């Protein structure tokens, strides 16, 4: 039981001068020790920019066992009696070069190492991905796991470490993306209920003298090619307890209690790890086959309706996919009764980012036979399908604990509950505009469910959901959209905020973007629907779900470390 532990995250600028980079590392280690930190985390690639002329040059300039760089870090650990986590370009004795994490103990001994499993863009030209999972190191401070940068943009590495018992995850970054600090870093803490200590770079991430020319060639302002800073320490509920500034060398500290990470319960008592269903997650560990379907429609008008009386208005406004929360309280109408007609609802949706919305694309009803159901479900479905007559629209909701897709002719698809229910797989349905998956209720709590939907080439996911903790809507569902390139339509009870999360065409790095580069790479275009607002609408982009290439040779779905996910699927 370690009790309170003081941890630090240090951000530095690292260029091509290895001696200067080492001096910066030692300087922030000293600063952390002055603040009585017991553990300090440094950024990724601390010894050299991740920019090389060739694979051979990367190997030549990498650190080696027992060299001056590693020896100096070890000496500082001994001098201060401090734990140090650092990431370096490292030359292994077998001739390979990795993006290697090192954990030094207070005696200066290396007690844990691992290579980055998912490489980002040009890193694939210079480095070899890790071939084994990283260790969970049992220390007097708690159980520690390590990962680096792009590994935290996907869920599998951090998830695997947490499932293997890690209480504190140490993330070293080399990133100019603002959505690291806004989304990817804190969500890994919240979704696994662990502590995360993350250290990012500042300053140019490319050679300073070449930066203007590279920026001009890419069409990106030079300042966006600097490390984004905002190193942070995050609690198991997703609260950022300490954060560094956007620019400048800095050291932040916080006192944490690693034992808090052993409690995996939600407010309702559900253990989010014990309730997983690993036997159903097997496809995550299968070799990638690439997307097997053509892209969906360029745009799709969608709506969230939280008052059944407004359903007809959503249809009249052209929504082709309408998501409702669970319909236990939905009034039913007889076969000769029309649903009540209301005046046009005020558009209470609040677009918070993204381009102007495109002209609505009207899709025809998808195929699939009508599924019979029990009388209660039949009455509700009949009421809903009657409103949809002649529109080609579909409604997704939850009836009797089961996700249902309803068209003008009745129920066209069902999604049994997977977690805590009889479901055994995600069951997508093909509609005129693309492929729809339904992830309802507690199924939406698990990153694995959305990964399965992405592996089935879903374009849009309807999410009728009842959140229990703030992070689930603020971080969890936006990350499910971001890490899988999925459009999400999230319908919650009226007293909670809801959201529509759309994919943007401005995604793949080093390609021409339609809009200006904003520093956010995978964050979805978000339309928030405030608590108390019964209606919200927006456009999503089914076609954009087909583009998962965040950078050259780095695919968000196929680039997952599928060989190393035993902790997730066993």
Protein backbone atom coordinates (compact mmCIF):
# COMPACT_ATOMS: atom_id res chain seq x y z
CA UNK A 1 0.00 0.00 0.00
CA UNK A 2 2.17 2.92 -1.23
CA UNK A 3 -0.05 5.75 0.10
CA UNK A 4 0.46 9.23 -1.34
CA UNK A 5 3.10 9.39 -4.08
CA UNK A 6 4.42 12.63 -5.55
CA UNK A 7 4.81 12.34 -9.32
CA UNK A 8 6.06 14.79 -11.92
CA UNK A 9 5.76 15.32 -15.66
CA UNK A 10 8.47 17.32 -17.43
CA UNK A 11 8.25 18.89 -20.86
CA UNK A 12 11.37 19.90 -22.80
CA UNK A 13 12.47 20.92 -26.26
CA UNK A 14 14.79 18.39 -27.95
CA UNK A 15 16.58 19.09 -31.21
CA UNK A 16 19.41 17.47 -33.13
CA UNK A 17 22.17 18.28 -30.63
CA UNK A 18 22.29 15.24 -28.34
CA UNK A 19 24.38 17.00 -25.69
CA UNK A 20 21.89 19.87 -25.43
CA UNK A 21 19.04 17.39 -25.23
CA UNK A 22 20.74 15.51 -22.40
CA UNK A 23 21.32 18.78 -20.54
CA UNK A 24 17.60 19.60 -20.83
CA UNK A 25 16.68 16.16 -19.47
CA UNK A 26 19.00 16.50 -16.49
CA UNK A 27 17.75 20.02 -15.82
CA UNK A 28 14.09 18.96 -15.51
CA UNK A 29 15.00 15.87 -13.47
CA UNK A 30 16.78 18.19 -11.02
CA UNK A 31 13.74 20.49 -10.96
CA UNK A 32 11.42 17.57 -10.23
CA UNK A 33 13.69 16.42 -7.42
CA UNK A 34 13.69 19.92 -5.95
CA UNK A 35 9.90 19.62 -5.72
CA UNK A 36 10.34 16.29 -3.88
CA UNK A 37 8.92 14.19 -6.69
CA UNK A 38 9.45 10.46 -6.27
CA UNK A 39 8.84 9.74 -9.97
CA UNK A 40 9.35 11.93 -13.03
CA UNK A 41 8.19 11.25 -16.59
CA UNK A 42 10.00 12.77 -19.60
CA UNK A 43 8.79 13.03 -23.22
CA UNK A 44 9.31 10.75 -26.20
CA UNK A 45 12.52 10.78 -28.27
CA UNK A 46 14.41 12.85 -25.68
CA UNK A 47 17.79 12.20 -27.28
CA UNK A 48 17.07 13.41 -30.82
CA UNK A 49 14.34 14.70 -33.09
CA UNK A 50 12.40 11.88 -34.71
CA UNK A 51 13.66 13.14 -38.07
CA UNK A 52 16.43 11.30 -39.88
CA UNK A 53 17.84 11.01 -43.38
CA UNK A 54 17.65 7.22 -43.29
CA UNK A 55 17.10 4.18 -41.12
CA UNK A 56 20.88 3.84 -40.88
CA UNK A 57 21.24 7.38 -39.56
CA UNK A 58 18.55 6.77 -36.95
CA UNK A 59 20.44 3.71 -35.76
CA UNK A 60 23.74 5.59 -35.71
CA UNK A 61 22.40 8.45 -33.58
CA UNK A 62 20.39 6.27 -31.21
CA UNK A 63 21.39 5.56 -27.63
CA UNK A 64 23.06 2.26 -26.75
CA UNK A 65 23.32 0.21 -23.57
CA UNK A 66 25.79 1.87 -21.21
CA UNK A 67 26.39 4.96 -23.34
CA UNK A 68 26.88 8.49 -22.05
CA UNK A 69 23.20 9.42 -22.32
CA UNK A 70 21.81 6.44 -20.41
CA UNK A 71 24.65 6.58 -17.90
CA UNK A 72 23.89 10.22 -17.12
CA UNK A 73 20.18 9.50 -16.60
CA UNK A 74 21.06 6.60 -14.30
CA UNK A 75 23.43 8.82 -12.31
CA UNK A 76 20.70 11.43 -11.80
CA UNK A 77 18.30 8.74 -10.58
CA UNK A 78 20.90 7.66 -7.99
CA UNK A 79 21.78 11.21 -7.01
CA UNK A 80 18.19 12.14 -6.23
CA UNK A 81 16.83 8.72 -5.28
CA UNK A 82 14.10 9.20 -7.89
CA UNK A 83 12.29 6.98 -10.38
CA UNK A 84 12.68 8.19 -13.98
CA UNK A 85 10.70 7.21 -17.05
CA UNK A 86 12.14 8.37 -20.38
CA UNK A 87 11.69 7.46 -24.04
CA UNK A 88 14.64 7.39 -26.46
CA UNK A 89 15.53 6.33 -29.96
CA UNK A 90 17.53 3.26 -28.96
CA UNK A 91 19.83 0.91 -30.88
CA UNK A 92 19.34 -2.69 -29.78
CA UNK A 93 22.14 -5.26 -29.88
CA UNK A 94 20.31 -7.19 -32.63
CA UNK A 95 20.72 -4.24 -35.01
CA UNK A 96 17.18 -2.90 -34.77
CA UNK A 97 16.20 0.56 -33.59
CA UNK A 98 13.20 1.21 -31.39
CA UNK A 99 11.29 4.00 -29.76
CA UNK A 100 12.20 2.62 -26.35
CA UNK A 101 10.73 3.38 -22.94
CA UNK A 102 13.10 3.03 -19.95
CA UNK A 103 12.17 2.98 -16.28
CA UNK A 104 15.08 3.73 -13.91
CA UNK A 105 14.79 2.98 -10.19
CA UNK A 106 16.33 5.18 -7.47
CA UNK A 107 19.49 3.10 -7.58
CA UNK A 108 19.95 3.99 -11.26
CA UNK A 109 19.10 0.49 -12.46
CA UNK A 110 16.89 -0.05 -15.50
CA UNK A 111 13.97 -2.08 -14.17
CA UNK A 112 11.66 -1.94 -17.18
CA UNK A 113 11.92 -1.40 -20.93
CA UNK A 114 9.60 -1.72 -23.91
CA UNK A 115 9.48 -0.53 -27.49
CA UNK A 116 6.62 1.48 -28.93
CA UNK A 117 4.18 -0.93 -30.59
CA UNK A 118 2.37 1.42 -33.01
CA UNK A 119 4.57 3.84 -34.93
CA UNK A 120 3.41 7.16 -36.34
CA UNK A 121 3.96 8.11 -39.98
CA UNK A 122 7.64 8.56 -40.84
CA UNK A 123 8.68 6.70 -37.68
CA UNK A 124 7.96 3.57 -39.71
CA UNK A 125 10.86 4.56 -41.99
CA UNK A 126 13.38 4.62 -39.15
CA UNK A 127 12.20 2.36 -36.34
CA UNK A 128 10.96 -1.15 -35.72
CA UNK A 129 7.69 -1.56 -33.81
CA UNK A 130 7.77 -3.36 -30.50
CA UNK A 131 7.34 -7.11 -30.75
CA UNK A 132 6.35 -7.74 -27.13
CA UNK A 133 4.01 -6.10 -24.64
CA UNK A 134 5.51 -3.74 -22.11
CA UNK A 135 5.96 -4.89 -18.52
CA UNK A 136 3.84 -3.97 -15.53
CA UNK A 137 6.53 -3.14 -12.96
CA UNK A 138 5.65 -3.69 -9.32
CA UNK A 139 7.38 -0.91 -7.40
CA UNK A 140 7.13 0.63 -3.92
CA UNK A 141 5.21 3.46 -5.63
CA UNK A 142 2.63 1.13 -7.14
CA UNK A 143 2.28 -0.99 -10.26
CA UNK A 144 3.59 0.95 -13.26
CA UNK A 145 3.02 0.55 -17.00
CA UNK A 146 4.63 2.50 -19.86
CA UNK A 147 3.56 3.61 -23.32
CA UNK A 148 4.36 6.36 -25.80
CA UNK A 149 2.44 8.90 -27.88
CA UNK A 150 0.68 7.15 -30.80
CA UNK A 151 0.03 4.15 -28.58
CA UNK A 152 -2.22 6.42 -26.54
CA UNK A 153 -4.24 7.49 -29.59
CA UNK A 154 -5.45 3.89 -29.75
CA UNK A 155 -7.00 2.16 -26.76
CA UNK A 156 -5.35 -1.27 -26.81
CA UNK A 157 -1.94 -0.62 -25.24
CA UNK A 158 -3.15 1.33 -22.21
CA UNK A 159 -6.09 -1.05 -21.85
CA UNK A 160 -3.81 -4.07 -21.84
CA UNK A 161 -1.53 -2.57 -19.18
CA UNK A 162 -4.49 -1.73 -16.96
CA UNK A 163 -6.02 -5.19 -17.39
CA UNK A 164 -2.67 -6.67 -16.33
CA UNK A 165 -2.83 -4.69 -13.09
CA UNK A 166 -1.10 -1.37 -13.74
CA UNK A 167 -2.26 1.41 -11.40
CA UNK A 168 -0.17 4.23 -12.90
CA UNK A 169 0.45 4.62 -16.64
CA UNK A 170 3.39 6.71 -17.86
CA UNK A 171 3.01 8.25 -21.33
CA UNK A 172 5.88 9.97 -23.15
CA UNK A 173 4.79 12.09 -26.13
CA UNK A 174 6.31 13.83 -29.14
CA UNK A 175 3.18 15.48 -30.50
CA UNK A 176 1.92 18.74 -31.96
CA UNK A 177 -1.70 17.58 -31.72
CA UNK A 178 -3.85 19.61 -29.35
CA UNK A 179 -6.29 16.73 -28.99
CA UNK A 180 -3.69 14.75 -27.07
CA UNK A 181 -4.24 16.97 -24.02
CA UNK A 182 -7.95 17.53 -24.70
CA UNK A 183 -8.90 13.92 -25.32
CA UNK A 184 -6.42 11.09 -25.80
CA UNK A 185 -4.42 11.53 -22.59
CA UNK A 186 -7.25 11.93 -20.07
CA UNK A 187 -9.55 9.33 -21.59
CA UNK A 188 -7.00 6.55 -21.01
CA UNK A 189 -7.14 7.31 -17.30
CA UNK A 190 -10.93 7.46 -17.11
CA UNK A 191 -11.84 4.45 -19.24
CA UNK A 192 -9.44 2.22 -17.28
CA UNK A 193 -9.79 3.97 -13.89
CA UNK A 194 -6.03 4.40 -13.53
CA UNK A 195 -3.65 7.31 -13.02
CA UNK A 196 -1.89 8.69 -16.11
CA UNK A 197 1.26 10.81 -16.00
CA UNK A 198 1.98 12.23 -19.46
CA UNK A 199 4.92 14.34 -20.64
CA UNK A 200 4.92 16.04 -24.07
CA UNK A 201 7.51 18.00 -26.02
CA UNK A 202 7.63 21.74 -26.70
CA UNK A 203 9.57 23.55 -29.41
CA UNK A 204 10.05 22.45 -33.03
CA UNK A 205 9.49 18.77 -33.76
CA UNK A 206 11.35 19.10 -37.07
CA UNK A 207 14.82 20.54 -37.77
CA UNK A 208 14.60 24.24 -36.93
CA UNK A 209 16.48 25.42 -40.02
CA UNK A 210 14.26 23.34 -42.31
CA UNK A 211 11.00 24.14 -40.57
CA UNK A 212 9.80 27.05 -42.76
CA UNK A 213 10.35 25.11 -45.96
CA UNK A 214 8.69 21.98 -44.60
CA UNK A 215 5.74 24.00 -43.31
CA UNK A 216 5.30 25.72 -46.67
CA UNK A 217 5.43 22.40 -48.49
CA UNK A 218 2.79 20.96 -46.19
CA UNK A 219 0.61 24.05 -46.15
CA UNK A 220 0.80 24.15 -42.34
CA UNK A 221 1.83 27.26 -40.35
CA UNK A 222 5.27 26.62 -38.79
CA UNK A 223 4.01 27.16 -35.25
CA UNK A 224 1.74 24.10 -35.59
CA UNK A 225 4.83 21.91 -36.04
CA UNK A 226 5.94 22.53 -32.47
CA UNK A 227 5.33 20.20 -29.55
CA UNK A 228 1.95 20.97 -28.02
CA UNK A 229 3.10 20.82 -24.39
CA UNK A 230 0.27 20.62 -21.85
CA UNK A 231 1.91 17.71 -20.03
CA UNK A 232 -0.52 16.50 -17.40
CA UNK A 233 -1.35 14.24 -14.50
CA UNK A 234 -4.79 12.66 -14.66
CA UNK A 235 -6.84 10.94 -11.96
CA UNK A 236 -8.79 7.70 -12.47
CA UNK A 237 -12.02 9.64 -13.04
CA UNK A 238 -10.47 11.65 -15.88
CA UNK A 239 -9.87 14.79 -13.82
CA UNK A 240 -6.69 16.61 -14.83
CA UNK A 241 -5.07 17.40 -11.48
CA UNK A 242 -2.02 19.20 -12.91
CA UNK A 243 -1.26 20.59 -16.36
CA UNK A 244 1.76 22.35 -17.84
CA UNK A 245 1.47 25.34 -20.19
CA UNK A 246 1.14 25.05 -23.95
CA UNK A 247 4.70 26.29 -24.51
CA UNK A 248 7.98 26.36 -22.65
CA UNK A 249 10.02 23.98 -20.56
CA UNK A 250 8.11 23.08 -17.40
CA UNK A 251 7.78 20.58 -14.58
CA UNK A 252 4.42 19.86 -12.92
CA UNK A 253 3.85 17.76 -9.80
CA UNK A 254 0.90 16.21 -8.00
CA UNK A 255 0.37 13.87 -5.10
CA UNK A 256 -1.51 10.74 -6.14
CA UNK A 257 -2.81 7.61 -4.44
CA UNK A 258 -2.18 4.65 -6.77
CA UNK A 259 -4.46 2.40 -4.71
CA UNK A 260 -7.45 4.37 -5.99
CA UNK A 261 -6.86 2.66 -9.33
CA UNK A 262 -7.81 -0.71 -7.84
CA UNK A 263 -11.47 0.34 -7.61
CA UNK A 264 -13.03 -0.29 -11.04
CA UNK A 265 -16.62 0.34 -10.02
CA UNK A 266 -19.08 2.75 -11.62
CA UNK A 267 -21.55 4.56 -9.33
CA UNK A 268 -24.07 1.72 -9.81
CA UNK A 269 -21.49 -0.79 -8.53
CA UNK A 270 -20.65 -2.31 -11.93
CA UNK A 271 -17.01 -3.36 -12.14
CA UNK A 272 -15.98 -2.15 -15.59
CA UNK A 273 -13.29 -4.82 -15.91
CA UNK A 274 -15.13 -7.79 -14.40
CA UNK A 275 -18.12 -7.09 -16.67
CA UNK A 276 -16.07 -7.23 -19.86
CA UNK A 277 -16.63 -10.17 -22.25
CA UNK A 278 -13.16 -11.03 -23.56
CA UNK A 279 -14.35 -14.16 -25.36
CA UNK A 280 -16.33 -11.94 -27.73
CA UNK A 281 -13.45 -9.59 -28.54
CA UNK A 282 -11.47 -12.09 -30.61
CA UNK A 283 -11.58 -10.11 -33.88
CA UNK A 284 -9.47 -7.39 -32.24
CA UNK A 285 -6.61 -9.90 -32.16
CA UNK A 286 -7.05 -11.04 -35.77
CA UNK A 287 -4.74 -9.99 -38.59
CA UNK A 288 -6.00 -6.86 -40.37
CA UNK A 289 -7.77 -7.35 -43.68
CA UNK A 290 -8.52 -3.73 -44.48
CA UNK A 291 -11.90 -2.23 -45.12
CA UNK A 292 -14.05 -4.55 -47.22
CA UNK A 293 -16.80 -2.11 -48.21
CA UNK A 294 -16.89 1.01 -50.38
CA UNK A 295 -17.40 4.35 -48.63
CA UNK A 296 -20.89 5.36 -47.58
CA UNK A 297 -22.76 8.51 -48.56
CA UNK A 298 -20.95 11.85 -48.34
CA UNK A 299 -23.47 13.23 -45.89
CA UNK A 300 -26.40 12.07 -43.80
CA UNK A 301 -28.89 14.24 -41.89
CA UNK A 302 -29.41 12.84 -38.40
CA UNK A 303 -31.34 13.87 -35.31
CA UNK A 304 -31.57 13.11 -31.62
CA UNK A 305 -35.18 13.19 -30.40
CA UNK A 306 -35.90 13.01 -26.67
CA UNK A 307 -39.64 13.72 -26.86
CA UNK A 308 -41.58 11.25 -28.99
CA UNK A 309 -43.98 14.03 -29.95
CA UNK A 310 -41.14 15.64 -31.94
CA UNK A 311 -40.44 12.55 -34.05
CA UNK A 312 -42.69 13.68 -36.90
CA UNK A 313 -40.89 17.03 -36.95
CA UNK A 314 -37.51 15.32 -37.28
CA UNK A 315 -38.85 13.37 -40.26
CA UNK A 316 -40.34 16.52 -41.80
CA UNK A 317 -36.98 18.25 -41.50
CA UNK A 318 -35.35 15.50 -43.52
CA UNK A 319 -33.51 13.47 -40.88
CA UNK A 320 -32.73 10.03 -42.27
CA UNK A 321 -31.45 8.57 -39.01
CA UNK A 322 -33.17 9.48 -35.76
CA UNK A 323 -31.94 8.17 -32.41
CA UNK A 324 -34.13 8.09 -29.32
CA UNK A 325 -33.23 7.12 -25.77
CA UNK A 326 -34.88 3.99 -24.37
CA UNK A 327 -38.61 4.19 -25.17
CA UNK A 328 -40.10 2.64 -22.04
CA UNK A 329 -42.20 5.77 -21.58
CA UNK A 330 -43.05 6.33 -25.25
CA UNK A 331 -46.81 6.59 -25.78
CA UNK A 332 -48.27 4.19 -28.31
CA UNK A 333 -50.93 4.96 -30.85
CA UNK A 334 -53.50 2.66 -32.35
CA UNK A 335 -53.46 1.76 -36.03
CA UNK A 336 -55.96 4.48 -36.84
CA UNK A 337 -54.33 7.15 -34.66
CA UNK A 338 -51.63 9.44 -35.92
CA UNK A 339 -48.87 10.57 -33.66
CA UNK A 340 -49.43 14.08 -32.33
CA UNK A 341 -48.16 16.89 -34.55
CA UNK A 342 -46.22 19.70 -32.90
CA UNK A 343 -44.94 22.99 -34.15
CA UNK A 344 -41.37 22.94 -35.42
CA UNK A 345 -39.07 22.49 -32.43
CA UNK A 346 -36.47 25.10 -31.79
CA UNK A 347 -33.08 23.95 -33.03
CA UNK A 348 -31.31 23.61 -29.72
CA UNK A 349 -28.21 21.92 -31.10
CA UNK A 350 -24.99 23.86 -30.57
CA UNK A 351 -22.28 23.17 -33.20
CA UNK A 352 -18.99 23.65 -31.40
CA UNK A 353 -16.59 22.91 -34.23
CA UNK A 354 -16.32 21.89 -37.84
CA UNK A 355 -17.23 23.24 -41.27
CA UNK A 356 -20.60 24.46 -42.42
CA UNK A 357 -23.05 21.65 -42.84
CA UNK A 358 -23.66 20.21 -46.29
CA UNK A 359 -26.98 19.88 -48.07
CA UNK A 360 -28.92 16.94 -46.61
CA UNK A 361 -28.62 13.66 -48.48
CA UNK A 362 -31.92 11.75 -48.52
CA UNK A 363 -31.46 7.99 -48.49
CA UNK A 364 -34.07 5.40 -49.26
CA UNK A 365 -35.06 2.75 -46.74
CA UNK A 366 -32.61 -0.10 -46.47
CA UNK A 367 -33.41 -3.71 -47.06
CA UNK A 368 -34.17 -6.37 -44.50
CA UNK A 369 -37.33 -8.14 -43.58
CA UNK A 370 -39.69 -7.07 -40.84
CA UNK A 371 -38.99 -8.84 -37.56
CA UNK A 372 -41.95 -9.83 -35.42
CA UNK A 373 -41.88 -8.99 -31.76
CA UNK A 374 -43.84 -9.14 -28.54
CA UNK A 375 -47.05 -7.16 -28.25
CA UNK A 376 -45.58 -4.31 -26.19
CA UNK A 377 -42.65 -3.87 -28.51
CA UNK A 378 -44.96 -4.28 -31.51
CA UNK A 379 -47.19 -1.46 -30.33
CA UNK A 380 -44.27 0.92 -29.84
CA UNK A 381 -42.65 -0.05 -33.12
CA UNK A 382 -45.97 0.34 -34.93
CA UNK A 383 -46.36 3.85 -33.56
CA UNK A 384 -42.84 4.80 -34.67
CA UNK A 385 -43.01 3.14 -38.10
CA UNK A 386 -46.27 4.94 -38.80
CA UNK A 387 -44.53 8.29 -38.44
CA UNK A 388 -41.77 7.14 -40.83
CA UNK A 389 -44.14 6.14 -43.66
CA UNK A 390 -42.92 7.40 -47.01
CA UNK A 391 -39.79 9.06 -45.61
CA UNK A 392 -37.05 6.45 -46.03
CA UNK A 393 -35.90 7.38 -42.51
CA UNK A 394 -34.97 4.99 -39.74
CA UNK A 395 -35.28 5.28 -35.99
CA UNK A 396 -32.95 3.62 -33.48
CA UNK A 397 -33.98 3.18 -29.88
CA UNK A 398 -33.98 0.66 -27.05
CA UNK A 399 -37.11 -1.37 -26.36
CA UNK A 400 -37.22 -4.00 -23.63
CA UNK A 401 -33.45 -3.66 -23.17
CA UNK A 402 -32.65 -4.37 -26.82
CA UNK A 403 -31.44 -2.00 -29.52
CA UNK A 404 -33.82 -1.86 -32.48
CA UNK A 405 -33.69 -0.25 -35.91
CA UNK A 406 -37.16 0.68 -37.13
CA UNK A 407 -38.18 1.62 -40.65
CA UNK A 408 -41.53 2.42 -42.21
CA UNK A 409 -42.31 -1.32 -42.43
CA UNK A 410 -41.35 -2.15 -38.85
CA UNK A 411 -38.23 -3.52 -37.19
CA UNK A 412 -35.45 -4.17 -39.69
CA UNK A 413 -32.65 -5.07 -37.24
CA UNK A 414 -32.09 -5.91 -33.59
CA UNK A 415 -29.00 -5.58 -31.44
CA UNK A 416 -29.17 -7.71 -28.28
CA UNK A 417 -27.26 -6.29 -25.34
CA UNK A 418 -23.74 -7.73 -25.21
CA UNK A 419 -22.54 -6.73 -21.73
CA UNK A 420 -24.97 -8.02 -19.15
CA UNK A 421 -27.22 -9.44 -21.86
CA UNK A 422 -27.55 -12.32 -24.32
CA UNK A 423 -25.80 -10.65 -27.27
CA UNK A 424 -22.67 -12.27 -28.66
CA UNK A 425 -21.68 -9.88 -31.45
CA UNK A 426 -22.22 -6.48 -33.00
CA UNK A 427 -24.89 -6.87 -35.69
CA UNK A 428 -24.66 -4.06 -38.28
CA UNK A 429 -27.33 -3.31 -40.86
CA UNK A 430 -26.73 -1.98 -44.38
CA UNK A 431 -28.94 0.97 -45.32
CA UNK A 432 -29.03 3.09 -48.45
CA UNK A 433 -26.46 5.55 -47.13
CA UNK A 434 -24.01 3.07 -45.55
CA UNK A 435 -23.57 0.63 -42.68
CA UNK A 436 -25.18 1.29 -39.30
CA UNK A 437 -24.26 -0.29 -35.98
CA UNK A 438 -26.23 0.05 -32.76
CA UNK A 439 -24.30 0.17 -29.48
CA UNK A 440 -26.84 0.73 -26.76
CA UNK A 441 -26.82 1.06 -23.00
CA UNK A 442 -23.79 -0.21 -21.12
CA UNK A 443 -22.29 -1.68 -24.29
CA UNK A 444 -21.18 1.89 -25.05
CA UNK A 445 -18.96 1.92 -21.96
CA UNK A 446 -16.46 -0.54 -23.43
CA UNK A 447 -13.84 0.53 -26.02
CA UNK A 448 -13.86 -3.02 -27.37
CA UNK A 449 -17.47 -2.78 -28.56
CA UNK A 450 -16.74 0.17 -30.83
CA UNK A 451 -13.56 -1.46 -32.10
CA UNK A 452 -15.65 -4.44 -33.15
CA UNK A 453 -18.03 -2.11 -34.99
CA UNK A 454 -15.11 -0.48 -36.81
CA UNK A 455 -13.75 -3.89 -37.79
CA UNK A 456 -17.17 -4.60 -39.30
CA UNK A 457 -16.80 -1.43 -41.41
CA UNK A 458 -19.59 0.49 -39.72
CA UNK A 459 -19.95 4.07 -40.92
CA UNK A 460 -22.35 5.39 -38.29
CA UNK A 461 -23.11 4.15 -34.78
CA UNK A 462 -26.35 4.94 -33.02
CA UNK A 463 -25.81 5.16 -29.26
CA UNK A 464 -28.89 5.26 -27.01
CA UNK A 465 -27.11 5.67 -23.68
CA UNK A 466 -27.57 6.61 -20.03
CA UNK A 467 -24.31 8.03 -18.64
CA UNK A 468 -23.33 7.68 -14.99
CA UNK A 469 -20.08 9.67 -14.88
CA UNK A 470 -19.12 12.94 -16.55
CA UNK A 471 -16.17 11.47 -18.45
CA UNK A 472 -18.39 9.06 -20.37
CA UNK A 473 -19.90 11.84 -22.48
CA UNK A 474 -17.06 14.37 -22.25
CA UNK A 475 -14.23 11.97 -23.14
CA UNK A 476 -15.37 8.39 -23.65
CA UNK A 477 -17.76 8.63 -26.58
CA UNK A 478 -15.76 11.34 -28.41
CA UNK A 479 -12.74 9.03 -28.16
CA UNK A 480 -14.73 6.08 -29.50
CA UNK A 481 -15.50 8.21 -32.56
CA UNK A 482 -11.93 9.50 -32.87
CA UNK A 483 -9.96 6.28 -32.46
CA UNK A 484 -12.20 4.32 -34.86
CA UNK A 485 -13.23 7.03 -37.36
CA UNK A 486 -16.90 6.40 -36.58
CA UNK A 487 -19.76 8.89 -36.76
CA UNK A 488 -21.78 8.69 -33.51
CA UNK A 489 -25.32 9.80 -32.77
CA UNK A 490 -25.71 9.75 -28.98
CA UNK A 491 -29.18 9.96 -27.43
CA UNK A 492 -29.32 10.20 -23.65
CA UNK A 493 -32.19 10.84 -21.23
CA UNK A 494 -33.51 14.40 -21.31
CA UNK A 495 -31.68 15.39 -18.14
CA UNK A 496 -28.24 14.65 -19.63
CA UNK A 497 -26.35 16.30 -22.49
CA UNK A 498 -26.43 14.41 -25.80
CA UNK A 499 -24.23 14.80 -28.86
CA UNK A 500 -23.74 14.14 -32.54
CA UNK A 501 -20.12 13.35 -33.40
CA UNK A 502 -19.18 13.56 -37.08
CA UNK A 503 -16.05 12.68 -38.99
CA UNK A 504 -14.31 15.46 -40.87
CA UNK A 505 -12.43 15.10 -44.19
CA UNK A 506 -9.50 17.00 -42.65
CA UNK A 507 -7.76 14.07 -41.01
CA UNK A 508 -4.79 12.47 -42.78
CA UNK A 509 -1.60 14.36 -41.96
CA UNK A 510 0.64 15.66 -44.73
CA UNK A 511 -2.25 15.76 -47.21
CA UNK A 512 -4.16 18.83 -48.41
CA UNK A 513 -6.91 19.82 -45.96
CA UNK A 514 -10.14 21.54 -46.91
CA UNK A 515 -9.94 23.92 -43.97
CA UNK A 516 -7.07 25.47 -42.01
CA UNK A 517 -4.98 23.20 -39.83
CA UNK A 518 -6.23 23.64 -36.28
CA UNK A 519 -3.88 21.36 -34.38
CA UNK A 520 -6.67 18.85 -33.73
CA UNK A 521 -6.28 15.75 -35.84
CA UNK A 522 -8.83 13.11 -34.89
CA UNK A 523 -11.30 15.01 -32.70
CA UNK A 524 -14.78 14.63 -34.22
CA UNK A 525 -16.93 17.56 -35.29
CA UNK A 526 -19.18 17.85 -32.28
CA UNK A 527 -22.76 19.12 -32.09
CA UNK A 528 -23.79 19.32 -28.45
CA UNK A 529 -27.41 18.99 -27.36
CA UNK A 530 -27.78 20.48 -23.89
CA UNK A 531 -29.50 18.74 -21.02
CA UNK A 532 -33.19 19.60 -21.18
CA UNK A 533 -33.21 20.12 -24.96
CA UNK A 534 -35.56 17.62 -26.58
CA UNK A 535 -34.23 17.93 -30.11
CA UNK A 536 -30.92 18.33 -31.93
CA UNK A 537 -29.87 17.78 -35.52
CA UNK A 538 -26.74 17.83 -37.64
CA UNK A 539 -25.06 16.19 -40.62
CA UNK A 540 -22.64 13.28 -40.29
CA UNK A 541 -20.32 11.96 -42.99
CA UNK A 542 -20.58 8.18 -43.53
CA UNK A 543 -18.00 8.32 -46.33
CA UNK A 544 -15.32 9.69 -44.02
CA UNK A 545 -15.42 6.54 -41.88
CA UNK A 546 -13.59 4.80 -44.72
CA UNK A 547 -10.48 6.95 -44.20
CA UNK A 548 -8.61 5.66 -41.17
CA UNK A 549 -5.12 6.71 -42.27
CA UNK A 550 -3.94 9.29 -39.75
CA UNK A 551 -0.54 9.49 -41.42
CA UNK A 552 1.47 7.55 -43.96
CA UNK A 553 1.62 3.88 -42.88
CA UNK A 554 -0.42 4.52 -39.73
CA UNK A 555 -4.02 3.28 -39.81
CA UNK A 556 -6.12 3.84 -36.68
CA UNK A 557 -7.88 0.48 -37.00
CA UNK A 558 -5.53 -1.81 -38.90
CA UNK A 559 -2.56 -0.27 -37.09
CA UNK A 560 -3.70 -1.53 -33.70
CA UNK A 561 -1.11 -3.87 -32.13
CA UNK A 562 -3.29 -6.89 -32.94
CA UNK A 563 -0.58 -9.44 -32.17
CA UNK A 564 -0.18 -8.10 -28.62
CA UNK A 565 -3.75 -7.90 -27.31
CA UNK A 566 -3.96 -11.17 -25.35
CA UNK A 567 -4.83 -9.23 -22.19
CA UNK A 568 -7.92 -7.90 -23.95
CA UNK A 569 -9.22 -11.10 -25.52
CA UNK A 570 -8.22 -13.89 -23.09
